[in-house]
Amino acid sequence: MPRAGVKALNKRIRSVKSTQQITKAMKMVAAAKLNRSQGKMIAARPYARQLARLVQHLAGAAQDAHPLFEVREVARRLYIVVASDKGLCGSYNLNLIKMAQQAIDASRAAGVETTVLTIGKKAGDYFAKRGYALHGRHDDFNGDASAERAQQVGDALVRAFLERTHDEVRIVYSEYHSTMVQRPSERAVLPIAPPAAATNGAAGSDGAAAAEEPAGKRMQGKLGREDAPAEPVADLDYIWEPGREQLFALLLPLYLRNRVFMTLMEAFTSEHAARMTSMTAATNNAGELVDALTLRRNRERQAAITAELLDIVGGANAL
């Protein structure tokens, strides 16, 4: 009987070691993806910061020069939910989807027609199974943000807003603070609010005015958390060449695509960090379990040996 126990423990130890090798490999892959994604995000921040500053300066000078600035009564709202395609990343998807579902349910309870655009298979499957109206879903990003994918999503948002199929667009994603800390966040994307609206109208019930915080605070919190804060927006007078309409027609879609790109970068960086942290914990737990099982096996083996020795000594004494 003791031998059978030792054999079962040996089998379990081999199984745990095999699992430990898998989690260790996944940790190394996640660490490599995190390093690459983090580098891309940091490299893109200066351009994103300057583009946002330029757009906010121009928006303050001519806030009614383009339909993307139009703040409408919200009858139809679109939520974008950025989750992961795969699991094994701790509570990353759980916390994110929980916040998104609460926001969507609150919007529907307020009488607003609400649809969902999901990025990531986990979010798409979750909301589809529960009967939420899906505007679309992207299950093929695989945790990798690119300019082409950001353009695909950004152009779809601009088209939906300009065609008045949606009056407001909001996004739920995970903010990257550090390797150990990623927090779900909700932000408005459209309409684009000028600095005055973001500052004075933050108490609006629909949240449209809160879409853009003051430039310095927003850029520090969203795009340049590790860099110096952006300079405050100043009152500037512009000479428009060739004209406001032509300039905004080119600049605003570019700005929106860049915002989507930076949001995807931050969300996917958070995903890789969460997965690396989760796999690190799993690898350490497997090591501790192997040590505990090994100790138990050695004790059972020693007990079996002691019992056999006692039988031999008892038999010798009986003779």
C-alpha atoms as a PDB file:
ATOM      1  CA  MET A   1       0.000   0.000   0.000  1.00  0.00           C
ATOM      2  CA  PRO A   2       2.781   2.541   0.799  1.00  0.00           C
ATOM      3  CA  ARG A   3       4.423   1.710  -2.524  1.00  0.00           C
ATOM      4  CA  ALA A   4       1.160   2.520  -4.320  1.00  0.00           C
ATOM      5  CA  GLY A   5       1.066   5.904  -2.515  1.00  0.00           C
ATOM      6  CA  VAL A   6       4.648   6.697  -3.521  1.00  0.00           C
ATOM      7  CA  LYS A   7       3.914   5.744  -7.113  1.00  0.00           C
ATOM      8  CA  ALA A   8       0.859   8.043  -7.206  1.00  0.00           C
ATOM      9  CA  LEU A   9       2.896  10.898  -5.735  1.00  0.00           C
ATOM     10  CA  ASN A  10       5.635  10.402  -8.337  1.00  0.00           C
ATOM     11  CA  LYS A  11       3.035  10.567 -11.094  1.00  0.00           C
ATOM     12  CA  ARG A  12       1.551  13.746  -9.650  1.00  0.00           C
ATOM     13  CA  ILE A  13       4.989  15.363  -9.285  1.00  0.00           C
ATOM     14  CA  ARG A  14       5.738  14.664 -12.944  1.00  0.00           C
ATOM     15  CA  SER A  15       2.384  16.165 -13.920  1.00  0.00           C
ATOM     16  CA  VAL A  16       2.971  19.352 -11.890  1.00  0.00           C
ATOM     17  CA  LYS A  17       6.482  19.727 -13.301  1.00  0.00           C
ATOM     18  CA  SER A  18       5.084  19.428 -16.807  1.00  0.00           C
ATOM     19  CA  THR A  19       2.530  22.145 -16.040  1.00  0.00           C
ATOM     20  CA  GLN A  20       5.296  24.276 -14.530  1.00  0.00           C
ATOM     21  CA  GLN A  21       7.288  24.085 -17.760  1.00  0.00           C
ATOM     22  CA  ILE A  22       4.250  25.272 -19.731  1.00  0.00           C
ATOM     23  CA  THR A  23       3.535  28.212 -17.420  1.00  0.00           C
ATOM     24  CA  LYS A  24       7.218  29.185 -17.422  1.00  0.00           C
ATOM     25  CA  ALA A  25       7.275  29.207 -21.234  1.00  0.00           C
ATOM     26  CA  MET A  26       4.082  31.293 -21.318  1.00  0.00           C
ATOM     27  CA  LYS A  27       5.620  33.718 -18.825  1.00  0.00           C
ATOM     28  CA  MET A  28       8.675  34.178 -21.045  1.00  0.00           C
ATOM     29  CA  VAL A  29       6.506  34.718 -24.144  1.00  0.00           C
ATOM     30  CA  ALA A  30       4.335  37.253 -22.302  1.00  0.00           C
ATOM     31  CA  ALA A  31       7.435  39.061 -21.027  1.00  0.00           C
ATOM     32  CA  ALA A  32       8.813  39.354 -24.562  1.00  0.00           C
ATOM     33  CA  LYS A  33       5.468  40.663 -25.876  1.00  0.00           C
ATOM     34  CA  LEU A  34       5.216  43.098 -22.959  1.00  0.00           C
ATOM     35  CA  ASN A  35       8.688  44.469 -23.646  1.00  0.00           C
ATOM     36  CA  ARG A  36       7.915  44.965 -27.343  1.00  0.00           C
ATOM     37  CA  SER A  37       4.469  46.490 -26.738  1.00  0.00           C
ATOM     38  CA  GLN A  38       5.762  48.789 -24.005  1.00  0.00           C
ATOM     39  CA  GLY A  39       8.531  50.036 -26.277  1.00  0.00           C
ATOM     40  CA  LYS A  40       6.067  50.814 -29.078  1.00  0.00           C
ATOM     41  CA  MET A  41       3.751  52.617 -26.684  1.00  0.00           C
ATOM     42  CA  ILE A  42       6.500  54.822 -25.239  1.00  0.00           C
ATOM     43  CA  ALA A  43       7.840  55.606 -28.721  1.00  0.00           C
ATOM     44  CA  ALA A  44       4.376  56.687 -29.913  1.00  0.00           C
ATOM     45  CA  ARG A  45       3.634  58.997 -26.984  1.00  0.00           C
ATOM     46  CA  PRO A  46       5.459  62.174 -28.157  1.00  0.00           C
ATOM     47  CA  TYR A  47       3.635  62.206 -31.506  1.00  0.00           C
ATOM     48  CA  ALA A  48       0.277  61.481 -29.849  1.00  0.00           C
ATOM     49  CA  ARG A  49       0.840  64.238 -27.304  1.00  0.00           C
ATOM     50  CA  GLN A  50       1.724  66.872 -29.901  1.00  0.00           C
ATOM     51  CA  LEU A  51      -1.148  65.857 -32.181  1.00  0.00           C
ATOM     52  CA  ALA A  52      -3.635  66.065 -29.305  1.00  0.00           C
ATOM     53  CA  ARG A  53      -2.283  69.454 -28.275  1.00  0.00           C
ATOM     54  CA  LEU A  54      -2.608  70.772 -31.832  1.00  0.00           C
ATOM     55  CA  VAL A  55      -6.170  69.481 -32.227  1.00  0.00           C
ATOM     56  CA  GLN A  56      -7.226  70.964 -28.899  1.00  0.00           C
ATOM     57  CA  HIS A  57      -5.743  74.347 -29.827  1.00  0.00           C
ATOM     58  CA  LEU A  58      -7.627  74.306 -33.111  1.00  0.00           C
ATOM     59  CA  ALA A  59     -10.802  73.038 -31.446  1.00  0.00           C
ATOM     60  CA  GLY A  60     -10.697  75.926 -29.002  1.00  0.00           C
ATOM     61  CA  ALA A  61     -10.421  78.368 -31.903  1.00  0.00           C
ATOM     62  CA  ALA A  62     -13.175  76.813 -34.029  1.00  0.00           C
ATOM     63  CA  GLN A  63     -15.195  74.319 -32.065  1.00  0.00           C
ATOM     64  CA  ASP A  64     -18.162  74.343 -34.482  1.00  0.00           C
ATOM     65  CA  ALA A  65     -16.174  73.942 -37.687  1.00  0.00           C
ATOM     66  CA  HIS A  66     -16.563  70.154 -37.989  1.00  0.00           C
ATOM     67  CA  PRO A  67     -19.383  67.658 -37.293  1.00  0.00           C
ATOM     68  CA  LEU A  68     -17.099  65.612 -34.999  1.00  0.00           C
ATOM     69  CA  PHE A  69     -17.298  68.482 -32.491  1.00  0.00           C
ATOM     70  CA  GLU A  70     -21.101  68.361 -32.410  1.00  0.00           C
ATOM     71  CA  VAL A  71     -22.526  67.485 -29.012  1.00  0.00           C
ATOM     72  CA  ARG A  72     -25.965  65.956 -29.586  1.00  0.00           C
ATOM     73  CA  GLU A  73     -28.693  64.676 -27.327  1.00  0.00           C
ATOM     74  CA  VAL A  74     -27.757  61.051 -26.767  1.00  0.00           C
ATOM     75  CA  ALA A  75     -30.378  58.664 -28.091  1.00  0.00           C
ATOM     76  CA  ARG A  76     -27.992  56.015 -29.439  1.00  0.00           C
ATOM     77  CA  ARG A  77     -24.710  55.175 -27.745  1.00  0.00           C
ATOM     78  CA  LEU A  78     -21.918  52.862 -28.864  1.00  0.00           C
ATOM     79  CA  TYR A  79     -19.598  51.166 -26.374  1.00  0.00           C
ATOM     80  CA  ILE A  80     -16.242  49.763 -27.472  1.00  0.00           C
ATOM     81  CA  VAL A  81     -14.943  47.032 -25.152  1.00  0.00           C
ATOM     82  CA  VAL A  82     -11.279  46.059 -25.525  1.00  0.00           C
ATOM     83  CA  ALA A  83     -10.507  42.678 -23.940  1.00  0.00           C
ATOM     84  CA  SER A  84      -8.192  39.799 -24.821  1.00  0.00           C
ATOM     85  CA  ASP A  85      -8.524  36.946 -27.302  1.00  0.00           C
ATOM     86  CA  LYS A  86      -7.101  34.393 -24.862  1.00  0.00           C
ATOM     87  CA  GLY A  87      -7.343  33.682 -21.161  1.00  0.00           C
ATOM     88  CA  LEU A  88      -4.722  32.812 -18.551  1.00  0.00           C
ATOM     89  CA  CYS A  89      -4.269  36.473 -17.617  1.00  0.00           C
ATOM     90  CA  GLY A  90      -5.715  36.512 -14.122  1.00  0.00           C
ATOM     91  CA  SER A  91      -8.673  38.804 -13.468  1.00  0.00           C
ATOM     92  CA  TYR A  92      -7.893  41.065 -16.447  1.00  0.00           C
ATOM     93  CA  ASN A  93     -10.956  40.138 -18.512  1.00  0.00           C
ATOM     94  CA  LEU A  94     -13.237  39.677 -15.502  1.00  0.00           C
ATOM     95  CA  ASN A  95     -12.707  43.198 -14.131  1.00  0.00           C
ATOM     96  CA  LEU A  96     -12.869  44.783 -17.567  1.00  0.00           C
ATOM     97  CA  ILE A  97     -16.066  43.057 -18.691  1.00  0.00           C
ATOM     98  CA  LYS A  98     -17.688  43.697 -15.310  1.00  0.00           C
ATOM     99  CA  MET A  99     -17.135  47.460 -15.667  1.00  0.00           C
ATOM    100  CA  ALA A 100     -18.315  47.414 -19.289  1.00  0.00           C
ATOM    101  CA  GLN A 101     -21.485  45.492 -18.444  1.00  0.00           C
ATOM    102  CA  GLN A 102     -22.342  47.883 -15.604  1.00  0.00           C
ATOM    103  CA  ALA A 103     -21.893  50.912 -17.898  1.00  0.00           C
ATOM    104  CA  ILE A 104     -23.917  49.332 -20.712  1.00  0.00           C
ATOM    105  CA  ASP A 105     -26.726  48.269 -18.374  1.00  0.00           C
ATOM    106  CA  ALA A 106     -26.858  51.772 -16.877  1.00  0.00           C
ATOM    107  CA  SER A 107     -27.062  53.283 -20.356  1.00  0.00           C
ATOM    108  CA  ARG A 108     -29.895  50.948 -21.336  1.00  0.00           C
ATOM    109  CA  ALA A 109     -31.714  51.631 -18.067  1.00  0.00           C
ATOM    110  CA  ALA A 110     -31.559  55.358 -18.875  1.00  0.00           C
ATOM    111  CA  GLY A 111     -33.504  54.708 -22.088  1.00  0.00           C
ATOM    112  CA  VAL A 112     -30.545  55.060 -24.460  1.00  0.00           C
ATOM    113  CA  GLU A 113     -30.329  52.611 -27.345  1.00  0.00           C
ATOM    114  CA  THR A 114     -26.953  50.977 -26.684  1.00  0.00           C
ATOM    115  CA  THR A 115     -24.849  48.720 -28.896  1.00  0.00           C
ATOM    116  CA  VAL A 116     -21.449  47.135 -28.322  1.00  0.00           C
ATOM    117  CA  LEU A 117     -18.354  46.865 -30.496  1.00  0.00           C
ATOM    118  CA  THR A 118     -16.004  44.273 -29.049  1.00  0.00           C
ATOM    119  CA  ILE A 119     -12.272  43.908 -29.607  1.00  0.00           C
ATOM    120  CA  GLY A 120     -11.108  40.564 -28.302  1.00  0.00           C
ATOM    121  CA  LYS A 121     -12.754  37.148 -28.388  1.00  0.00           C
ATOM    122  CA  LYS A 122     -13.477  37.061 -24.660  1.00  0.00           C
ATOM    123  CA  ALA A 123     -15.610  40.218 -24.769  1.00  0.00           C
ATOM    124  CA  GLY A 124     -17.307  39.205 -28.013  1.00  0.00           C
ATOM    125  CA  ASP A 125     -18.327  35.792 -26.688  1.00  0.00           C
ATOM    126  CA  TYR A 126     -19.494  37.210 -23.351  1.00  0.00           C
ATOM    127  CA  PHE A 127     -21.838  39.867 -24.732  1.00  0.00           C
ATOM    128  CA  ALA A 128     -23.070  37.711 -27.626  1.00  0.00           C
ATOM    129  CA  LYS A 129     -24.124  34.895 -25.269  1.00  0.00           C
ATOM    130  CA  ARG A 130     -26.060  37.338 -23.090  1.00  0.00           C
ATOM    131  CA  GLY A 131     -28.066  38.865 -25.907  1.00  0.00           C
ATOM    132  CA  TYR A 132     -26.493  42.321 -26.106  1.00  0.00           C
ATOM    133  CA  ALA A 133     -26.814  44.134 -29.441  1.00  0.00           C
ATOM    134  CA  LEU A 134     -23.429  43.894 -31.171  1.00  0.00           C
ATOM    135  CA  HIS A 135     -22.407  46.618 -33.605  1.00  0.00           C
ATOM    136  CA  GLY A 136     -19.460  44.431 -34.597  1.00  0.00           C
ATOM    137  CA  ARG A 137     -16.620  42.357 -33.195  1.00  0.00           C
ATOM    138  CA  HIS A 138     -12.913  41.910 -33.883  1.00  0.00           C
ATOM    139  CA  ASP A 139     -11.469  38.575 -32.749  1.00  0.00           C
ATOM    140  CA  ASP A 140      -8.258  38.634 -34.770  1.00  0.00           C
ATOM    141  CA  PHE A 141      -6.099  41.341 -33.144  1.00  0.00           C
ATOM    142  CA  ASN A 142      -4.231  38.787 -30.994  1.00  0.00           C
ATOM    143  CA  GLY A 143      -2.977  41.406 -28.554  1.00  0.00           C
ATOM    144  CA  ASP A 144      -1.091  43.338 -31.226  1.00  0.00           C
ATOM    145  CA  ALA A 145      -1.987  46.947 -32.038  1.00  0.00           C
ATOM    146  CA  SER A 146      -1.070  48.377 -35.435  1.00  0.00           C
ATOM    147  CA  ALA A 147      -1.792  51.537 -37.403  1.00  0.00           C
ATOM    148  CA  GLU A 148      -3.898  49.558 -39.888  1.00  0.00           C
ATOM    149  CA  ARG A 149      -6.117  48.094 -37.170  1.00  0.00           C
ATOM    150  CA  ALA A 150      -6.448  51.464 -35.448  1.00  0.00           C
ATOM    151  CA  GLN A 151      -7.451  53.002 -38.774  1.00  0.00           C
ATOM    152  CA  GLN A 152     -10.009  50.247 -39.340  1.00  0.00           C
ATOM    153  CA  VAL A 153     -11.649  50.876 -35.961  1.00  0.00           C
ATOM    154  CA  GLY A 154     -11.266  54.664 -36.071  1.00  0.00           C
ATOM    155  CA  ASP A 155     -12.787  55.001 -39.532  1.00  0.00           C
ATOM    156  CA  ALA A 156     -15.750  52.864 -38.461  1.00  0.00           C
ATOM    157  CA  LEU A 157     -16.346  55.152 -35.466  1.00  0.00           C
ATOM    158  CA  VAL A 158     -16.134  58.317 -37.569  1.00  0.00           C
ATOM    159  CA  ARG A 159     -18.521  56.853 -40.122  1.00  0.00           C
ATOM    160  CA  ALA A 160     -21.027  55.813 -37.451  1.00  0.00           C
ATOM    161  CA  PHE A 161     -20.945  59.256 -35.835  1.00  0.00           C
ATOM    162  CA  LEU A 162     -21.156  61.270 -39.046  1.00  0.00           C
ATOM    163  CA  GLU A 163     -23.987  59.127 -40.385  1.00  0.00           C
ATOM    164  CA  ARG A 164     -25.810  59.714 -37.062  1.00  0.00           C
ATOM    165  CA  THR A 165     -26.262  56.041 -36.372  1.00  0.00           C
ATOM    166  CA  HIS A 166     -24.733  56.844 -32.960  1.00  0.00           C
ATOM    167  CA  ASP A 167     -24.744  60.087 -30.999  1.00  0.00           C
ATOM    168  CA  GLU A 168     -21.917  59.177 -28.637  1.00  0.00           C
ATOM    169  CA  VAL A 169     -19.045  56.689 -28.634  1.00  0.00           C
ATOM    170  CA  ARG A 170     -17.393  55.493 -25.429  1.00  0.00           C
ATOM    171  CA  ILE A 171     -14.601  52.978 -24.864  1.00  0.00           C
ATOM    172  CA  VAL A 172     -13.864  50.627 -21.976  1.00  0.00           C
ATOM    173  CA  TYR A 173     -10.308  49.355 -21.768  1.00  0.00           C
ATOM    174  CA  SER A 174      -7.557  48.636 -19.254  1.00  0.00           C
ATOM    175  CA  GLU A 175      -5.183  51.464 -18.342  1.00  0.00           C
ATOM    176  CA  TYR A 176      -1.559  50.437 -17.985  1.00  0.00           C
ATOM    177  CA  HIS A 177       0.006  51.831 -14.810  1.00  0.00           C
ATOM    178  CA  SER A 178       2.770  49.312 -14.178  1.00  0.00           C
ATOM    179  CA  THR A 179       3.585  45.651 -14.634  1.00  0.00           C
ATOM    180  CA  MET A 180       1.628  44.832 -11.486  1.00  0.00           C
ATOM    181  CA  VAL A 181      -1.201  47.381 -11.815  1.00  0.00           C
ATOM    182  CA  GLN A 182      -3.756  47.601 -14.651  1.00  0.00           C
ATOM    183  CA  ARG A 183      -7.064  49.348 -14.000  1.00  0.00           C
ATOM    184  CA  PRO A 184     -10.272  49.208 -16.096  1.00  0.00           C
ATOM    185  CA  SER A 185     -11.250  52.629 -17.389  1.00  0.00           C
ATOM    186  CA  GLU A 186     -14.111  54.179 -19.341  1.00  0.00           C
ATOM    187  CA  ARG A 187     -13.635  57.209 -21.628  1.00  0.00           C
ATOM    188  CA  ALA A 188     -15.635  59.077 -24.230  1.00  0.00           C
ATOM    189  CA  VAL A 189     -14.222  59.094 -27.774  1.00  0.00           C
ATOM    190  CA  LEU A 190     -16.839  61.018 -29.764  1.00  0.00           C
ATOM    191  CA  PRO A 191     -17.808  63.783 -29.960  1.00  0.00           C
ATOM    192  CA  ILE A 192     -14.422  65.486 -29.690  1.00  0.00           C
ATOM    193  CA  ALA A 193     -14.785  68.153 -27.013  1.00  0.00           C
ATOM    194  CA  PRO A 194     -12.640  71.310 -27.017  1.00  0.00           C
ATOM    195  CA  PRO A 195     -10.730  72.241 -23.834  1.00  0.00           C
ATOM    196  CA  ALA A 196     -13.385  74.677 -22.571  1.00  0.00           C
ATOM    197  CA  ALA A 197     -16.125  72.058 -22.858  1.00  0.00           C
ATOM    198  CA  ALA A 198     -13.972  69.447 -21.153  1.00  0.00           C
ATOM    199  CA  THR A 199     -13.270  71.795 -18.251  1.00  0.00           C
ATOM    200  CA  ASN A 200     -16.622  73.511 -17.768  1.00  0.00           C
ATOM    201  CA  GLY A 201     -19.008  70.736 -18.786  1.00  0.00           C
ATOM    202  CA  ALA A 202     -17.578  67.796 -16.915  1.00  0.00           C
ATOM    203  CA  ALA A 203     -20.792  67.402 -14.969  1.00  0.00           C
ATOM    204  CA  GLY A 204     -22.893  66.589 -18.065  1.00  0.00           C
ATOM    205  CA  SER A 205     -25.086  63.553 -17.580  1.00  0.00           C
ATOM    206  CA  ASP A 206     -24.178  61.977 -20.916  1.00  0.00           C
ATOM    207  CA  GLY A 207     -20.454  62.348 -20.332  1.00  0.00           C
ATOM    208  CA  ALA A 208     -19.851  63.878 -23.763  1.00  0.00           C
ATOM    209  CA  ALA A 209     -18.241  66.979 -22.327  1.00  0.00           C
ATOM    210  CA  ALA A 210     -15.980  64.802 -20.202  1.00  0.00           C
ATOM    211  CA  ALA A 211     -14.607  63.095 -23.284  1.00  0.00           C
ATOM    212  CA  GLU A 212     -11.582  65.345 -23.282  1.00  0.00           C
ATOM    213  CA  GLU A 213     -10.002  66.412 -20.021  1.00  0.00           C
ATOM    214  CA  PRO A 214      -7.755  69.493 -19.945  1.00  0.00           C
ATOM    215  CA  ALA A 215      -4.803  68.799 -22.211  1.00  0.00           C
ATOM    216  CA  GLY A 216      -2.112  68.701 -19.557  1.00  0.00           C
ATOM    217  CA  LYS A 217      -3.976  66.383 -17.204  1.00  0.00           C
ATOM    218  CA  ARG A 218      -5.296  64.074 -19.905  1.00  0.00           C
ATOM    219  CA  MET A 219      -2.015  63.676 -21.703  1.00  0.00           C
ATOM    220  CA  GLN A 220      -0.209  63.014 -18.460  1.00  0.00           C
ATOM    221  CA  GLY A 221      -2.735  60.423 -17.374  1.00  0.00           C
ATOM    222  CA  LYS A 222      -3.499  58.687 -20.675  1.00  0.00           C
ATOM    223  CA  LEU A 223      -0.512  58.985 -22.968  1.00  0.00           C
ATOM    224  CA  GLY A 224       2.459  60.347 -21.078  1.00  0.00           C
ATOM    225  CA  ARG A 225       2.224  58.995 -17.577  1.00  0.00           C
ATOM    226  CA  GLU A 226       5.987  58.546 -17.415  1.00  0.00           C
ATOM    227  CA  ASP A 227       6.814  61.827 -19.122  1.00  0.00           C
ATOM    228  CA  ALA A 228       6.437  65.478 -18.214  1.00  0.00           C
ATOM    229  CA  PRO A 229       2.889  66.896 -18.301  1.00  0.00           C
ATOM    230  CA  ALA A 230       1.775  68.604 -21.465  1.00  0.00           C
ATOM    231  CA  GLU A 231       1.763  72.370 -21.511  1.00  0.00           C
ATOM    232  CA  PRO A 232      -1.574  74.041 -20.745  1.00  0.00           C
ATOM    233  CA  VAL A 233      -3.673  75.133 -23.679  1.00  0.00           C
ATOM    234  CA  ALA A 234      -3.213  78.823 -24.434  1.00  0.00           C
ATOM    235  CA  ASP A 235      -5.499  81.249 -26.241  1.00  0.00           C
ATOM    236  CA  LEU A 236      -4.057  81.337 -29.730  1.00  0.00           C
ATOM    237  CA  ASP A 237      -5.231  83.017 -32.911  1.00  0.00           C
ATOM    238  CA  TYR A 238      -4.783  81.057 -36.143  1.00  0.00           C
ATOM    239  CA  ILE A 239      -4.658  81.986 -39.793  1.00  0.00           C
ATOM    240  CA  TRP A 240      -6.309  79.057 -41.567  1.00  0.00           C
ATOM    241  CA  GLU A 241      -4.717  77.827 -44.776  1.00  0.00           C
ATOM    242  CA  PRO A 242      -6.233  76.372 -46.928  1.00  0.00           C
ATOM    243  CA  GLY A 243      -9.331  76.574 -44.677  1.00  0.00           C
ATOM    244  CA  ARG A 244     -10.960  75.207 -41.539  1.00  0.00           C
ATOM    245  CA  GLU A 245     -13.082  72.598 -43.278  1.00  0.00           C
ATOM    246  CA  GLN A 246     -10.214  71.184 -45.339  1.00  0.00           C
ATOM    247  CA  LEU A 247      -7.861  71.149 -42.360  1.00  0.00           C
ATOM    248  CA  PHE A 248     -10.302  69.486 -39.985  1.00  0.00           C
ATOM    249  CA  ALA A 249     -11.364  66.961 -42.641  1.00  0.00           C
ATOM    250  CA  LEU A 250      -7.762  65.738 -42.730  1.00  0.00           C
ATOM    251  CA  LEU A 251      -6.665  66.293 -39.144  1.00  0.00           C
ATOM    252  CA  LEU A 252      -9.583  65.042 -37.045  1.00  0.00           C
ATOM    253  CA  PRO A 253      -9.824  61.499 -38.492  1.00  0.00           C
ATOM    254  CA  LEU A 254      -6.047  61.255 -38.072  1.00  0.00           C
ATOM    255  CA  TYR A 255      -6.344  62.390 -34.460  1.00  0.00           C
ATOM    256  CA  LEU A 256      -9.126  59.898 -33.746  1.00  0.00           C
ATOM    257  CA  ARG A 257      -7.199  57.008 -35.311  1.00  0.00           C
ATOM    258  CA  ASN A 258      -4.209  57.940 -33.184  1.00  0.00           C
ATOM    259  CA  ARG A 259      -6.333  57.974 -30.038  1.00  0.00           C
ATOM    260  CA  VAL A 260      -7.666  54.537 -30.893  1.00  0.00           C
ATOM    261  CA  PHE A 261      -4.133  53.308 -31.587  1.00  0.00           C
ATOM    262  CA  MET A 262      -2.828  54.578 -28.233  1.00  0.00           C
ATOM    263  CA  THR A 263      -5.826  53.070 -26.434  1.00  0.00           C
ATOM    264  CA  LEU A 264      -5.225  49.682 -28.069  1.00  0.00           C
ATOM    265  CA  MET A 265      -1.532  49.909 -27.221  1.00  0.00           C
ATOM    266  CA  GLU A 266      -2.316  50.590 -23.577  1.00  0.00           C
ATOM    267  CA  ALA A 267      -4.939  47.834 -23.410  1.00  0.00           C
ATOM    268  CA  PHE A 268      -2.730  45.192 -25.016  1.00  0.00           C
ATOM    269  CA  THR A 269       0.268  46.206 -22.907  1.00  0.00           C
ATOM    270  CA  SER A 270      -1.941  45.718 -19.851  1.00  0.00           C
ATOM    271  CA  GLU A 271      -2.983  42.304 -21.169  1.00  0.00           C
ATOM    272  CA  HIS A 272       0.618  41.138 -21.611  1.00  0.00           C
ATOM    273  CA  ALA A 273       1.561  42.457 -18.160  1.00  0.00           C
ATOM    274  CA  ALA A 274      -1.411  40.689 -16.549  1.00  0.00           C
ATOM    275  CA  ARG A 275      -0.581  37.436 -18.319  1.00  0.00           C
ATOM    276  CA  MET A 276       3.094  37.617 -17.336  1.00  0.00           C
ATOM    277  CA  THR A 277       2.159  38.290 -13.703  1.00  0.00           C
ATOM    278  CA  SER A 278      -0.371  35.458 -13.705  1.00  0.00           C
ATOM    279  CA  MET A 279       2.022  32.956 -15.261  1.00  0.00           C
ATOM    280  CA  THR A 280       4.792  34.002 -12.856  1.00  0.00           C
ATOM    281  CA  ALA A 281       2.489  33.282  -9.921  1.00  0.00           C
ATOM    282  CA  ALA A 282       1.426  29.968 -11.479  1.00  0.00           C
ATOM    283  CA  THR A 283       5.056  28.924 -12.008  1.00  0.00           C
ATOM    284  CA  ASN A 284       5.968  29.789  -8.410  1.00  0.00           C
ATOM    285  CA  ASN A 285       2.923  27.951  -7.074  1.00  0.00           C
ATOM    286  CA  ALA A 286       3.822  24.878  -9.120  1.00  0.00           C
ATOM    287  CA  GLY A 287       7.330  24.954  -7.667  1.00  0.00           C
ATOM    288  CA  GLU A 288       5.961  25.150  -4.130  1.00  0.00           C
ATOM    289  CA  LEU A 289       3.560  22.278  -4.860  1.00  0.00           C
ATOM    290  CA  VAL A 290       6.401  20.135  -6.234  1.00  0.00           C
ATOM    291  CA  ASP A 291       8.435  20.779  -3.077  1.00  0.00           C
ATOM    292  CA  ALA A 292       5.485  19.852  -0.845  1.00  0.00           C
ATOM    293  CA  LEU A 293       4.738  16.675  -2.826  1.00  0.00           C
ATOM    294  CA  THR A 294       8.398  15.689  -2.830  1.00  0.00           C
ATOM    295  CA  LEU A 295       8.569  16.071   0.945  1.00  0.00           C
ATOM    296  CA  ARG A 296       5.408  13.988   1.355  1.00  0.00           C
ATOM    297  CA  ARG A 297       6.759  11.311  -0.988  1.00  0.00           C
ATOM    298  CA  ASN A 298      10.033  11.113   0.912  1.00  0.00           C
ATOM    299  CA  ARG A 299       8.193  10.784   4.193  1.00  0.00           C
ATOM    300  CA  GLU A 300       6.009   7.966   2.858  1.00  0.00           C
ATOM    301  CA  ARG A 301       9.042   6.224   1.392  1.00  0.00           C
ATOM    302  CA  GLN A 302      10.896   6.543   4.689  1.00  0.00           C
ATOM    303  CA  ALA A 303       7.870   5.226   6.559  1.00  0.00           C
ATOM    304  CA  ALA A 304       7.703   2.219   4.219  1.00  0.00           C
ATOM    305  CA  ILE A 305      11.410   1.497   4.692  1.00  0.00           C
ATOM    306  CA  THR A 306      11.079   1.772   8.477  1.00  0.00           C
ATOM    307  CA  ALA A 307       8.119  -0.600   8.479  1.00  0.00           C
ATOM    308  CA  GLU A 308      10.056  -3.172   6.435  1.00  0.00           C
ATOM    309  CA  LEU A 309      13.042  -2.925   8.769  1.00  0.00           C
ATOM    310  CA  LEU A 310      10.780  -3.454  11.764  1.00  0.00           C
ATOM    311  CA  ASP A 311       9.327  -6.556  10.110  1.00  0.00           C
ATOM    312  CA  ILE A 312      12.796  -7.953   9.477  1.00  0.00           C
ATOM    313  CA  VAL A 313      13.952  -7.259  13.031  1.00  0.00           C
ATOM    314  CA  GLY A 314      10.752  -8.741  14.457  1.00  0.00           C
ATOM    315  CA  GLY A 315      11.192 -11.895  12.365  1.00  0.00           C
ATOM    316  CA  ALA A 316      14.817 -12.245  13.444  1.00  0.00           C
ATOM    317  CA  ASN A 317      13.885 -11.925  17.109  1.00  0.00           C
ATOM    318  CA  ALA A 318      11.195 -14.522  16.724  1.00  0.00           C
ATOM    319  CA  LEU A 319      13.760 -17.033  15.511  1.00  0.00           C
END
